[in-house]
Structures are given as C-alpha cells and as structure tokens.
Amino acid sequence: MPGPLTGCPDGHGTDAWVLLFTRDFDERDATTARRTYPGRRVLVNADRNLEVHPAGRGLPRSLLDR
C-alpha cells in the first residue's frame, strides 16, 4: 500500500510523524485503521486519503489544512 511518512512541522520526534496513505478511502477504512493503530488519531481528508496522526486530545488537523 503506497504512502510516505510525513513529518509534522511542530518539532516533535518520530512519535509526531503522520502516516499518509493515498487512495480512495472512506470511513470504513478509517475504522479499520483505528483498530490497526490503537491510540492513534485517524481521519479521511478532503482528498479521500487516510491520515494516521500521533496520539493526542481532540481531532487531528488534516495535513491539507496546514
């Protein structure tokens, strides 16, 4: 499955990296990713790519919104 590791610009270590998977994903894929990456925050962005963000509070901000 294609998808590079994308670093966060906030200066955190590797725990702050975002996994970005490109394809036509939907909420079913996000549900699977939440089970695969427990404790991480998962979202499907406006381009329908899947983003797996580090653990944290609240909803993650999409890479497209940065």
C-alpha atoms as a PDB file:
ATOM      1  CA  MET A   1       0.000   0.000   0.000  1.00  0.00           C
ATOM      2  CA  PRO A   2       1.643   3.296  -1.022  1.00  0.00           C
ATOM      3  CA  GLY A   3       2.085   6.099   1.469  1.00  0.00           C
ATOM      4  CA  PRO A   4       5.072   8.063   2.714  1.00  0.00           C
ATOM      5  CA  LEU A   5       5.832   9.046   6.284  1.00  0.00           C
ATOM      6  CA  THR A   6       5.154  12.742   6.584  1.00  0.00           C
ATOM      7  CA  GLY A   7       6.863  14.656   9.385  1.00  0.00           C
ATOM      8  CA  CYS A   8       4.996  17.191  11.475  1.00  0.00           C
ATOM      9  CA  PRO A   9       6.470  20.686  11.393  1.00  0.00           C
ATOM     10  CA  ASP A  10       5.991  21.176  15.147  1.00  0.00           C
ATOM     11  CA  GLY A  11       9.452  19.858  16.068  1.00  0.00           C
ATOM     12  CA  HIS A  12       8.382  16.657  17.824  1.00  0.00           C
ATOM     13  CA  GLY A  13      10.246  13.375  17.486  1.00  0.00           C
ATOM     14  CA  THR A  14       9.218  10.383  15.439  1.00  0.00           C
ATOM     15  CA  ASP A  15       6.114   9.883  17.605  1.00  0.00           C
ATOM     16  CA  ALA A  16       4.761  13.014  15.935  1.00  0.00           C
ATOM     17  CA  TRP A  17       5.004  11.651  12.402  1.00  0.00           C
ATOM     18  CA  VAL A  18       1.881  11.193  10.329  1.00  0.00           C
ATOM     19  CA  LEU A  19       1.256   8.159   8.155  1.00  0.00           C
ATOM     20  CA  LEU A  20      -0.359   9.220   4.877  1.00  0.00           C
ATOM     21  CA  PHE A  21      -1.936   6.581   2.662  1.00  0.00           C
ATOM     22  CA  THR A  22      -3.105   7.701  -0.771  1.00  0.00           C
ATOM     23  CA  ARG A  23      -6.078   6.060  -2.428  1.00  0.00           C
ATOM     24  CA  ASP A  24      -9.845   6.485  -2.370  1.00  0.00           C
ATOM     25  CA  PHE A  25     -10.564   5.784   1.328  1.00  0.00           C
ATOM     26  CA  ASP A  26     -13.812   6.067   3.267  1.00  0.00           C
ATOM     27  CA  GLU A  27     -14.948   5.829   6.888  1.00  0.00           C
ATOM     28  CA  ARG A  28     -14.860   2.008   6.801  1.00  0.00           C
ATOM     29  CA  ASP A  29     -11.138   2.206   6.068  1.00  0.00           C
ATOM     30  CA  ALA A  30     -10.700   4.707   8.918  1.00  0.00           C
ATOM     31  CA  THR A  31     -12.436   2.284  11.293  1.00  0.00           C
ATOM     32  CA  THR A  32     -10.028  -0.476  10.251  1.00  0.00           C
ATOM     33  CA  ALA A  33      -7.047   1.871  10.712  1.00  0.00           C
ATOM     34  CA  ARG A  34      -8.229   2.771  14.238  1.00  0.00           C
ATOM     35  CA  ARG A  35      -8.117  -0.930  15.137  1.00  0.00           C
ATOM     36  CA  THR A  36      -4.730  -1.352  13.423  1.00  0.00           C
ATOM     37  CA  TYR A  37      -3.165   1.716  15.090  1.00  0.00           C
ATOM     38  CA  PRO A  38      -4.713   1.785  18.588  1.00  0.00           C
ATOM     39  CA  GLY A  39      -4.272   5.068  20.405  1.00  0.00           C
ATOM     40  CA  ARG A  40      -3.607   6.977  17.186  1.00  0.00           C
ATOM     41  CA  ARG A  41      -5.979   9.526  15.681  1.00  0.00           C
ATOM     42  CA  VAL A  42      -7.228   8.599  12.204  1.00  0.00           C
ATOM     43  CA  LEU A  43      -9.046  10.687   9.610  1.00  0.00           C
ATOM     44  CA  VAL A  44     -10.004  10.620   5.943  1.00  0.00           C
ATOM     45  CA  ASN A  45      -9.086  14.016   4.477  1.00  0.00           C
ATOM     46  CA  ALA A  46     -10.834  16.059   1.769  1.00  0.00           C
ATOM     47  CA  ASP A  47      -8.819  14.269  -0.949  1.00  0.00           C
ATOM     48  CA  ARG A  48     -10.056  10.934   0.480  1.00  0.00           C
ATOM     49  CA  ASN A  49      -6.556   9.963   1.653  1.00  0.00           C
ATOM     50  CA  LEU A  50      -6.111   8.253   5.006  1.00  0.00           C
ATOM     51  CA  GLU A  51      -4.061  10.057   7.688  1.00  0.00           C
ATOM     52  CA  VAL A  52      -2.881   8.350  10.894  1.00  0.00           C
ATOM     53  CA  HIS A  53      -1.797  11.008  13.422  1.00  0.00           C
ATOM     54  CA  PRO A  54       0.010  10.563  16.757  1.00  0.00           C
ATOM     55  CA  ALA A  55      -1.966  10.057  19.937  1.00  0.00           C
ATOM     56  CA  GLY A  56      -3.378  13.199  21.482  1.00  0.00           C
ATOM     57  CA  ARG A  57      -6.511  15.004  22.537  1.00  0.00           C
ATOM     58  CA  GLY A  58      -9.274  16.002  20.190  1.00  0.00           C
ATOM     59  CA  LEU A  59      -9.495  15.552  16.466  1.00  0.00           C
ATOM     60  CA  PRO A  60      -6.319  15.763  14.412  1.00  0.00           C
ATOM     61  CA  ARG A  61      -5.881  18.584  11.908  1.00  0.00           C
ATOM     62  CA  SER A  62      -5.525  17.324   8.350  1.00  0.00           C
ATOM     63  CA  LEU A  63      -2.218  17.792   6.564  1.00  0.00           C
ATOM     64  CA  LEU A  64      -4.221  19.625   3.896  1.00  0.00           C
ATOM     65  CA  ASP A  65      -5.184  22.289   6.444  1.00  0.00           C
ATOM     66  CA  ARG A  66      -1.600  23.117   7.475  1.00  0.00           C
END
